[in-house]
């Protein structure tokens, strides 16, 4: 049986807006990251949890590069789907890593 899940874009927006508002209220309008590089598992391996992942299936990502790509995308109209990957990398860092008010 194939698993699937459907989410509402408007609900996703509501949740994201709430989380960002709470982040700004708690930590101010700026988030400072203390690490730039992170491990990244290549797609489709990231979703194949039953297979072994080798070092060849991974890469090193960079938060500053993801942020630059997102910011440039406001002017250059990037491939929208991959912009979500860059955004996810930034959001993951907010959830995972220590940060402080600038």
N, C-alpha and C. Protein backbone atom coordinates (compact mmCIF):
# COMPACT_ATOMS: atom_id res chain seq x y z
N UNK A 1 0.83 -1.17 0.00
CA UNK A 1 0.00 0.00 0.00
C UNK A 1 0.88 1.25 0.00
N UNK A 2 0.57 2.20 -0.83
CA UNK A 2 1.34 3.44 -0.92
C UNK A 2 0.77 4.46 0.05
N UNK A 3 1.64 5.07 0.79
CA UNK A 3 1.24 6.09 1.76
C UNK A 3 1.22 7.45 1.08
N UNK A 4 0.27 8.28 1.47
CA UNK A 4 0.25 9.66 0.99
C UNK A 4 -0.38 10.55 2.06
N UNK A 5 -0.12 11.84 1.93
CA UNK A 5 -0.67 12.81 2.86
C UNK A 5 -0.94 14.08 2.06
N UNK A 6 -2.05 14.71 2.33
CA UNK A 6 -2.38 15.97 1.68
C UNK A 6 -2.48 17.04 2.75
N UNK A 7 -1.84 18.18 2.49
CA UNK A 7 -1.95 19.29 3.43
C UNK A 7 -2.51 20.50 2.70
N UNK A 8 -3.14 21.36 3.44
CA UNK A 8 -3.71 22.58 2.90
C UNK A 8 -2.64 23.66 2.87
N UNK A 9 -2.46 24.30 1.73
CA UNK A 9 -1.48 25.38 1.62
C UNK A 9 -1.85 26.52 2.56
N UNK A 10 -3.13 26.83 2.67
CA UNK A 10 -3.54 27.92 3.57
C UNK A 10 -3.25 27.56 5.02
N UNK A 11 -3.42 26.29 5.41
CA UNK A 11 -3.09 25.90 6.77
C UNK A 11 -1.58 25.93 7.00
N UNK A 12 -0.81 25.50 6.00
CA UNK A 12 0.65 25.58 6.09
C UNK A 12 1.09 27.03 6.27
N UNK A 13 0.48 27.93 5.52
CA UNK A 13 0.79 29.36 5.64
C UNK A 13 0.43 29.87 7.04
N UNK A 14 -0.72 29.47 7.55
CA UNK A 14 -1.15 29.90 8.89
C UNK A 14 -0.16 29.42 9.95
N UNK A 15 0.26 28.16 9.85
CA UNK A 15 1.21 27.60 10.82
C UNK A 15 2.56 28.30 10.71
N UNK A 16 3.04 28.50 9.50
CA UNK A 16 4.33 29.16 9.28
C UNK A 16 4.30 30.59 9.80
N UNK A 17 3.24 31.32 9.51
CA UNK A 17 3.10 32.69 10.00
C UNK A 17 3.12 32.74 11.52
N UNK A 18 2.42 31.80 12.16
CA UNK A 18 2.38 31.75 13.62
C UNK A 18 3.76 31.46 14.19
N UNK A 19 4.45 30.49 13.61
CA UNK A 19 5.79 30.15 14.11
C UNK A 19 6.76 31.30 13.95
N UNK A 20 6.71 31.98 12.80
CA UNK A 20 7.61 33.11 12.58
C UNK A 20 7.28 34.28 13.50
N UNK A 21 6.00 34.51 13.76
CA UNK A 21 5.61 35.57 14.69
C UNK A 21 6.11 35.26 16.10
N UNK A 22 5.99 34.01 16.52
CA UNK A 22 6.48 33.62 17.84
C UNK A 22 8.00 33.73 17.93
N UNK A 23 8.69 33.35 16.85
CA UNK A 23 10.14 33.48 16.81
C UNK A 23 10.55 34.94 16.97
N UNK A 24 9.91 35.83 16.23
CA UNK A 24 10.24 37.26 16.31
C UNK A 24 9.93 37.82 17.69
N UNK A 25 8.82 37.38 18.28
CA UNK A 25 8.46 37.87 19.60
C UNK A 25 9.45 37.42 20.67
N UNK A 26 9.89 36.19 20.55
CA UNK A 26 10.79 35.63 21.55
C UNK A 26 12.24 36.06 21.35
N UNK A 27 12.69 36.18 20.07
CA UNK A 27 14.11 36.40 19.81
C UNK A 27 14.42 37.66 19.03
N UNK A 28 13.42 38.45 18.68
CA UNK A 28 13.68 39.65 17.89
C UNK A 28 13.58 39.36 16.40
N UNK A 29 13.84 40.37 15.62
CA UNK A 29 13.67 40.29 14.17
C UNK A 29 14.85 39.64 13.44
N UNK A 30 15.96 39.40 14.12
CA UNK A 30 17.13 38.81 13.49
C UNK A 30 17.49 37.49 14.16
N UNK A 31 17.91 36.54 13.35
CA UNK A 31 18.39 35.26 13.85
C UNK A 31 19.84 35.12 13.42
N UNK A 32 20.72 34.84 14.36
CA UNK A 32 22.13 34.66 14.08
C UNK A 32 22.46 33.19 14.20
N UNK A 33 23.06 32.63 13.16
CA UNK A 33 23.46 31.23 13.17
C UNK A 33 24.92 31.14 13.56
N UNK A 34 25.26 30.10 14.31
CA UNK A 34 26.64 29.92 14.74
C UNK A 34 27.38 28.87 13.92
N UNK A 35 26.65 28.13 13.10
CA UNK A 35 27.26 27.18 12.18
C UNK A 35 26.76 27.48 10.77
N UNK A 36 27.60 27.22 9.78
CA UNK A 36 27.23 27.48 8.39
C UNK A 36 27.04 26.18 7.62
N UNK A 37 27.89 25.20 7.85
CA UNK A 37 27.88 23.96 7.06
C UNK A 37 27.05 22.88 7.74
N UNK A 38 26.43 22.02 6.92
CA UNK A 38 25.63 20.92 7.45
C UNK A 38 25.69 19.74 6.48
N UNK A 39 25.37 18.56 7.00
CA UNK A 39 25.28 17.37 6.16
C UNK A 39 23.93 17.36 5.45
N UNK A 40 23.94 16.90 4.21
CA UNK A 40 22.75 16.83 3.40
C UNK A 40 22.71 15.45 2.73
N UNK A 41 21.57 14.76 2.84
CA UNK A 41 21.40 13.47 2.18
C UNK A 41 20.67 13.73 0.87
N UNK A 42 21.24 13.22 -0.21
CA UNK A 42 20.66 13.44 -1.53
C UNK A 42 19.29 12.77 -1.67
N UNK A 43 18.41 13.43 -2.38
CA UNK A 43 17.14 12.86 -2.78
C UNK A 43 17.44 11.82 -3.86
N UNK A 44 16.91 10.64 -3.90
CA UNK A 44 15.78 10.12 -3.14
C UNK A 44 16.16 9.39 -1.86
N UNK A 45 17.44 9.34 -1.53
CA UNK A 45 17.89 8.59 -0.36
C UNK A 45 17.30 9.12 0.95
N UNK A 46 17.03 10.40 1.00
CA UNK A 46 16.49 10.99 2.22
C UNK A 46 15.13 10.40 2.58
N UNK A 47 14.40 9.89 1.60
CA UNK A 47 13.08 9.31 1.84
C UNK A 47 13.08 7.79 1.81
N UNK A 48 14.22 7.19 1.56
CA UNK A 48 14.32 5.73 1.52
C UNK A 48 14.98 5.25 2.80
N UNK A 49 14.21 5.23 3.88
CA UNK A 49 14.79 4.96 5.20
C UNK A 49 15.15 3.49 5.41
N UNK A 50 14.74 2.62 4.50
CA UNK A 50 15.06 1.20 4.63
C UNK A 50 16.37 0.83 3.96
N UNK A 51 16.95 1.74 3.19
CA UNK A 51 18.22 1.44 2.52
C UNK A 51 19.38 2.03 3.32
N UNK A 52 20.54 1.46 3.07
CA UNK A 52 21.75 1.99 3.71
C UNK A 52 22.18 3.25 2.97
N UNK A 53 22.56 4.25 3.72
CA UNK A 53 23.05 5.49 3.13
C UNK A 53 24.56 5.50 3.28
N UNK A 54 25.25 5.72 2.19
CA UNK A 54 26.71 5.78 2.22
C UNK A 54 27.16 7.23 2.11
N UNK A 55 28.41 7.45 2.32
CA UNK A 55 28.96 8.80 2.23
C UNK A 55 28.75 9.38 0.83
N UNK A 56 28.68 8.53 -0.18
CA UNK A 56 28.44 9.00 -1.55
C UNK A 56 27.03 9.56 -1.73
N UNK A 57 26.13 9.21 -0.81
CA UNK A 57 24.75 9.69 -0.86
C UNK A 57 24.57 11.01 -0.11
N UNK A 58 25.64 11.54 0.42
CA UNK A 58 25.56 12.76 1.21
C UNK A 58 26.35 13.88 0.55
N UNK A 59 26.09 15.06 1.02
CA UNK A 59 26.84 16.24 0.57
C UNK A 59 26.93 17.20 1.74
N UNK A 60 27.78 18.18 1.59
CA UNK A 60 27.87 19.25 2.58
C UNK A 60 27.10 20.44 2.04
N UNK A 61 26.14 20.90 2.83
CA UNK A 61 25.38 22.09 2.46
C UNK A 61 25.90 23.28 3.24
N UNK A 62 25.44 24.46 2.87
CA UNK A 62 25.90 25.69 3.51
C UNK A 62 24.71 26.63 3.68
N UNK A 63 24.41 26.98 4.94
CA UNK A 63 23.28 27.86 5.21
C UNK A 63 23.39 29.19 4.49
N UNK A 64 24.59 29.76 4.46
CA UNK A 64 24.76 31.06 3.81
C UNK A 64 24.45 30.96 2.32
N UNK A 65 24.80 29.84 1.69
CA UNK A 65 24.50 29.66 0.28
C UNK A 65 22.99 29.48 0.06
N UNK A 66 22.35 28.70 0.93
CA UNK A 66 20.90 28.53 0.83
C UNK A 66 20.19 29.87 0.97
N UNK A 67 20.63 30.69 1.92
CA UNK A 67 20.02 32.00 2.14
C UNK A 67 20.24 32.91 0.94
N UNK A 68 21.46 32.91 0.41
CA UNK A 68 21.74 33.72 -0.79
C UNK A 68 20.86 33.31 -1.96
N UNK A 69 20.69 32.01 -2.15
CA UNK A 69 19.83 31.52 -3.24
C UNK A 69 18.39 31.98 -3.05
N UNK A 70 17.89 31.92 -1.82
CA UNK A 70 16.53 32.39 -1.55
C UNK A 70 16.40 33.88 -1.82
N UNK A 71 17.36 34.66 -1.35
CA UNK A 71 17.29 36.11 -1.53
C UNK A 71 17.39 36.50 -3.00
N UNK A 72 18.27 35.85 -3.74
CA UNK A 72 18.38 36.13 -5.17
C UNK A 72 17.10 35.73 -5.89
N UNK A 73 16.46 34.69 -5.40
CA UNK A 73 15.25 34.21 -6.01
C UNK A 73 14.12 35.22 -6.01
N UNK A 74 14.16 36.16 -5.08
CA UNK A 74 13.12 37.20 -5.05
C UNK A 74 13.19 38.05 -6.31
N UNK A 75 14.38 38.19 -6.87
CA UNK A 75 14.56 39.00 -8.07
C UNK A 75 14.68 38.17 -9.34
N UNK A 76 15.15 36.94 -9.22
CA UNK A 76 15.47 36.14 -10.40
C UNK A 76 14.46 35.05 -10.72
N UNK A 77 13.40 34.90 -9.91
CA UNK A 77 12.38 33.88 -10.15
C UNK A 77 12.98 32.49 -10.28
N UNK A 78 13.47 31.90 -9.16
CA UNK A 78 14.10 30.58 -9.22
C UNK A 78 13.05 29.49 -9.45
N UNK A 79 13.55 28.29 -9.65
CA UNK A 79 12.64 27.15 -9.71
C UNK A 79 11.98 27.04 -8.35
N UNK A 80 10.70 27.31 -8.27
CA UNK A 80 10.00 27.45 -7.00
C UNK A 80 10.13 26.21 -6.12
N UNK A 81 10.08 25.05 -6.70
CA UNK A 81 10.15 23.85 -5.86
C UNK A 81 11.47 23.73 -5.14
N UNK A 82 12.58 24.03 -5.80
CA UNK A 82 13.86 23.91 -5.11
C UNK A 82 14.05 25.02 -4.09
N UNK A 83 13.40 26.14 -4.27
CA UNK A 83 13.45 27.20 -3.27
C UNK A 83 12.89 26.70 -1.94
N UNK A 84 11.95 25.78 -1.98
CA UNK A 84 11.44 25.19 -0.75
C UNK A 84 12.52 24.38 -0.03
N UNK A 85 13.42 23.76 -0.77
CA UNK A 85 14.52 23.01 -0.16
C UNK A 85 15.44 23.99 0.58
N UNK A 86 15.78 25.10 -0.09
CA UNK A 86 16.63 26.11 0.58
C UNK A 86 15.94 26.65 1.82
N UNK A 87 14.66 26.93 1.72
CA UNK A 87 13.91 27.44 2.87
C UNK A 87 13.90 26.40 3.99
N UNK A 88 13.71 25.14 3.65
CA UNK A 88 13.69 24.07 4.65
C UNK A 88 15.03 23.98 5.38
N UNK A 89 16.13 24.19 4.66
CA UNK A 89 17.44 24.14 5.29
C UNK A 89 17.58 25.26 6.33
N UNK A 90 17.10 26.44 6.00
CA UNK A 90 17.14 27.56 6.95
C UNK A 90 16.22 27.29 8.14
N UNK A 91 15.00 26.83 7.86
CA UNK A 91 14.05 26.55 8.94
C UNK A 91 14.57 25.43 9.84
N UNK A 92 15.18 24.42 9.26
CA UNK A 92 15.76 23.34 10.06
C UNK A 92 16.83 23.88 11.00
N UNK A 93 17.66 24.77 10.50
CA UNK A 93 18.72 25.35 11.33
C UNK A 93 18.12 26.16 12.48
N UNK A 94 17.02 26.85 12.22
CA UNK A 94 16.36 27.61 13.29
C UNK A 94 15.87 26.64 14.37
N UNK A 95 15.31 25.51 13.94
CA UNK A 95 14.80 24.53 14.90
C UNK A 95 15.88 23.74 15.61
N UNK A 96 17.01 23.50 14.93
CA UNK A 96 18.06 22.63 15.47
C UNK A 96 19.16 23.35 16.23
N UNK A 97 19.56 24.50 15.72
CA UNK A 97 20.80 25.09 16.19
C UNK A 97 20.56 26.25 17.15
N UNK A 98 21.55 26.46 18.02
CA UNK A 98 21.43 27.63 18.90
C UNK A 98 21.55 28.92 18.08
N UNK A 99 20.79 29.88 18.44
CA UNK A 99 20.85 31.19 17.81
C UNK A 99 20.60 32.23 18.88
N UNK A 100 20.93 33.44 18.56
CA UNK A 100 20.73 34.52 19.54
C UNK A 100 20.25 35.76 18.81
N UNK A 101 19.64 36.63 19.56
CA UNK A 101 19.17 37.89 19.02
C UNK A 101 20.36 38.72 18.59
N UNK A 102 20.29 39.29 17.40
CA UNK A 102 21.39 40.12 16.90
C UNK A 102 21.29 41.52 17.46
